[in-house]
Protein backbone atom coordinates (compact mmCIF):
# COMPACT_ATOMS: atom_id res chain seq x y z
CA MET A 1 -53.27 -69.49 -63.67
CA ALA A 2 -50.07 -67.83 -63.22
CA TYR A 3 -46.77 -69.94 -62.79
CA LYS A 4 -45.94 -69.98 -58.32
CA SER A 5 -42.20 -71.02 -57.52
CA PRO A 6 -42.43 -73.81 -54.28
CA GLU A 7 -40.73 -71.00 -52.23
CA GLN A 8 -44.35 -68.64 -53.19
CA LYS A 9 -46.47 -71.61 -52.88
CA ALA A 10 -45.12 -72.13 -49.41
CA ALA A 11 -45.57 -68.37 -48.50
CA ASP A 12 -49.60 -68.32 -48.51
CA VAL A 13 -49.22 -71.08 -45.87
CA LEU A 14 -46.75 -70.28 -43.64
CA LEU A 15 -46.74 -66.14 -43.62
CA PRO A 16 -50.28 -66.61 -42.26
CA LEU A 17 -48.30 -69.22 -39.45
CA GLY A 18 -46.20 -66.31 -38.34
CA CYS A 19 -42.99 -67.39 -40.56
CA ILE A 20 -40.70 -64.97 -42.18
CA HIS A 21 -39.57 -65.18 -45.83
CA GLN A 22 -35.29 -65.14 -45.56
CA LYS A 23 -34.68 -64.74 -48.90
CA ASN A 24 -30.97 -63.68 -48.45
CA THR A 25 -30.33 -64.15 -45.25
CA TYR A 26 -27.63 -67.36 -43.97
CA LEU A 27 -28.43 -69.11 -41.23
CA PRO A 28 -25.77 -68.08 -37.98
CA PHE A 29 -24.03 -71.55 -38.69
CA SER A 30 -21.07 -72.44 -41.01
CA PHE A 31 -21.33 -75.57 -42.11
CA VAL A 32 -18.50 -78.70 -43.38
CA ASP A 33 -18.79 -81.02 -46.50
CA LYS A 34 -16.66 -84.20 -47.21
CA GLU A 35 -14.06 -82.44 -48.48
CA ASP A 36 -13.61 -80.34 -45.77
CA ARG A 37 -14.95 -77.35 -47.13
CA GLU A 38 -16.87 -75.02 -45.68
CA PHE A 39 -20.15 -73.83 -46.89
CA PRO A 40 -22.98 -71.11 -45.62
CA ALA A 41 -26.95 -72.05 -45.59
CA LYS A 42 -30.02 -70.15 -45.84
CA GLY A 43 -33.25 -70.89 -45.26
CA ASP A 44 -36.37 -69.71 -46.87
CA PHE A 45 -38.49 -69.45 -44.17
CA TYR A 46 -37.23 -68.60 -40.53
CA HIS A 47 -40.15 -69.45 -37.47
CA PRO A 48 -38.92 -67.42 -34.94
CA GLY A 49 -41.10 -67.70 -32.38
CA LEU A 50 -39.79 -71.87 -33.16
CA ASP A 51 -36.59 -70.91 -33.73
CA LEU A 52 -37.31 -72.91 -36.61
CA TYR A 53 -35.59 -72.77 -40.50
CA ILE A 54 -37.31 -74.22 -43.20
CA GLU A 55 -35.68 -75.24 -46.55
CA VAL A 56 -38.68 -75.21 -49.55
CA LYS A 57 -37.88 -77.78 -52.39
CA HIS A 58 -39.81 -78.79 -54.94
CA SER A 59 -39.84 -82.65 -55.72
CA HIS A 60 -36.12 -83.08 -56.06
CA LEU A 61 -32.86 -83.49 -54.58
CA ASN A 62 -29.68 -84.40 -56.71
CA GLY A 63 -27.25 -86.41 -55.47
CA LYS A 64 -24.24 -84.48 -55.57
CA THR A 65 -22.16 -85.43 -53.09
CA SER A 66 -19.39 -81.95 -52.39
CA LYS A 67 -19.64 -78.25 -52.83
CA THR A 68 -16.27 -79.26 -55.64
CA LYS A 69 -17.85 -81.75 -57.35
CA ALA A 70 -21.30 -79.46 -57.28
CA GLU A 71 -19.97 -76.63 -58.72
CA ASN A 72 -17.88 -79.38 -61.04
CA ALA A 73 -21.30 -80.63 -63.14
CA TYR A 74 -22.86 -77.31 -63.14
CA ASN A 75 -19.90 -75.30 -65.14
CA ARG A 76 -20.09 -78.10 -67.17
CA ILE A 77 -22.87 -77.23 -68.32
CA GLU A 78 -22.84 -74.94 -71.25
CA PRO A 79 -23.49 -71.51 -70.10
CA PHE A 80 -25.87 -70.85 -72.13
CA LYS A 81 -28.62 -73.29 -70.84
CA ARG A 82 -27.61 -71.47 -67.72
CA THR A 83 -29.35 -68.78 -68.16
CA GLY A 84 -31.61 -69.47 -70.31
CA ARG A 85 -35.62 -71.08 -70.55
CA TYR A 86 -33.81 -74.46 -68.46
CA ALA A 87 -31.89 -72.67 -66.12
CA THR A 88 -33.79 -74.17 -63.09
CA HIS A 89 -33.37 -77.51 -64.33
CA TYR A 90 -29.87 -77.47 -64.57
CA GLN A 91 -29.54 -75.30 -61.61
CA ILE A 92 -31.79 -78.23 -59.15
CA GLN A 93 -29.79 -81.15 -61.28
CA SER A 94 -26.16 -80.26 -60.02
CA GLY A 95 -26.38 -76.94 -57.81
CA TRP A 96 -25.28 -77.69 -54.09
CA ASN A 97 -27.87 -75.90 -52.81
CA HIS A 98 -30.32 -78.80 -54.47
CA ALA A 99 -28.19 -81.70 -53.19
CA ALA A 100 -29.59 -84.60 -50.70
CA SER A 101 -26.16 -84.17 -49.50
CA LYS A 102 -25.78 -80.68 -47.95
CA HIS A 103 -29.28 -80.75 -46.34
CA ALA A 104 -27.91 -84.01 -44.33
CA ILE A 105 -24.97 -81.87 -43.63
CA VAL A 106 -26.92 -78.93 -42.45
CA GLN A 107 -29.86 -80.72 -40.91
CA SER A 108 -27.43 -82.80 -39.09
CA LYS A 109 -25.63 -79.87 -37.64
CA ILE A 110 -28.38 -78.39 -36.58
CA GLY A 111 -30.75 -80.90 -35.62
CA ARG A 112 -34.40 -82.17 -37.15
CA ALA A 113 -36.46 -79.83 -35.06
CA GLN A 114 -34.85 -76.13 -36.23
CA TYR A 115 -33.80 -77.40 -39.92
CA ALA A 116 -36.85 -78.65 -42.06
CA ILE A 117 -37.55 -79.45 -46.06
CA VAL A 118 -40.72 -79.39 -46.92
CA PHE A 119 -41.83 -80.84 -50.01
CA THR A 120 -44.22 -78.25 -52.49
CA GLU A 121 -44.81 -81.44 -54.66
CA GLU A 122 -44.40 -85.51 -53.99
CA PRO A 123 -40.38 -86.21 -54.05
CA ASP A 124 -40.01 -88.31 -57.12
CA GLU A 125 -38.67 -91.57 -56.13
CA GLU A 126 -34.48 -90.73 -56.68
CA THR A 127 -34.97 -88.05 -53.68
CA ILE A 128 -37.20 -90.67 -52.21
CA SER A 129 -34.10 -92.51 -51.89
CA ARG A 130 -31.75 -90.31 -51.25
CA ILE A 131 -33.53 -88.72 -48.39
CA GLU A 132 -34.08 -92.20 -46.51
CA LYS A 133 -30.40 -93.09 -46.77
CA GLN A 134 -28.69 -90.12 -45.63
CA GLY A 135 -31.07 -89.65 -42.25
CA ILE A 136 -33.35 -86.90 -44.07
CA GLN A 137 -36.11 -85.35 -42.42
CA ALA A 138 -38.75 -83.82 -44.67
CA PHE A 139 -42.47 -83.49 -45.19
CA SER A 140 -45.05 -81.97 -46.95
CA LEU A 141 -46.13 -79.00 -47.40
CA SER A 142 -49.45 -80.14 -45.98
CA ARG A 143 -47.89 -82.08 -43.71
CA PHE A 144 -45.85 -79.57 -42.27
CA VAL A 145 -48.42 -76.47 -42.00
CA GLY A 146 -50.89 -79.53 -40.30
CA MET A 147 -47.47 -79.88 -37.41
CA LEU A 148 -47.15 -76.18 -36.98
CA GLN A 149 -50.23 -75.50 -36.45
CA LEU A 150 -50.34 -78.63 -33.84
CA GLN A 151 -47.25 -77.25 -32.18
CA LEU A 152 -48.54 -73.28 -32.49
CA GLU A 153 -51.27 -74.61 -30.87
CA PHE A 154 -49.47 -76.48 -27.78
CA GLU A 155 -46.90 -73.15 -27.38
CA THR A 156 -49.87 -70.74 -26.71
CA GLU A 157 -51.71 -72.65 -25.08
CA PRO A 158 -52.54 -71.24 -20.95
CA THR A 159 -50.72 -73.34 -18.55
């Protein structure tokens, strides 16, 4: 069986429900971290009918608390490790795009109804702790798909 990234796994079930893969499209909002550093954000998918951005993660969000701290941690990693076989591992461990704090900021500004964090695998204990402490609302892929299907049925029922 060929490897599928978290986004590919999610695409299999989200695209048929009307979600659009966003690839390189930034959200139409600007965000600021705890150091007042502005940053953009992307969602992996967008559902235009529900005005819903969906961020897909495998099973981990790191504990970096600002964009600067994430960049500094990533830059301390030996360059060959950032491009080699384990590059994704180091990005997940240090990257701002995988930081719980970043997603808490984004979800807080946009709102839980418009920004969903979806895990394709069960989050590790460290991530669950971060999610709880930061008030992040997140879902498993299967639960999210079920909720999305219900929402779409509700939206299309005749009145």
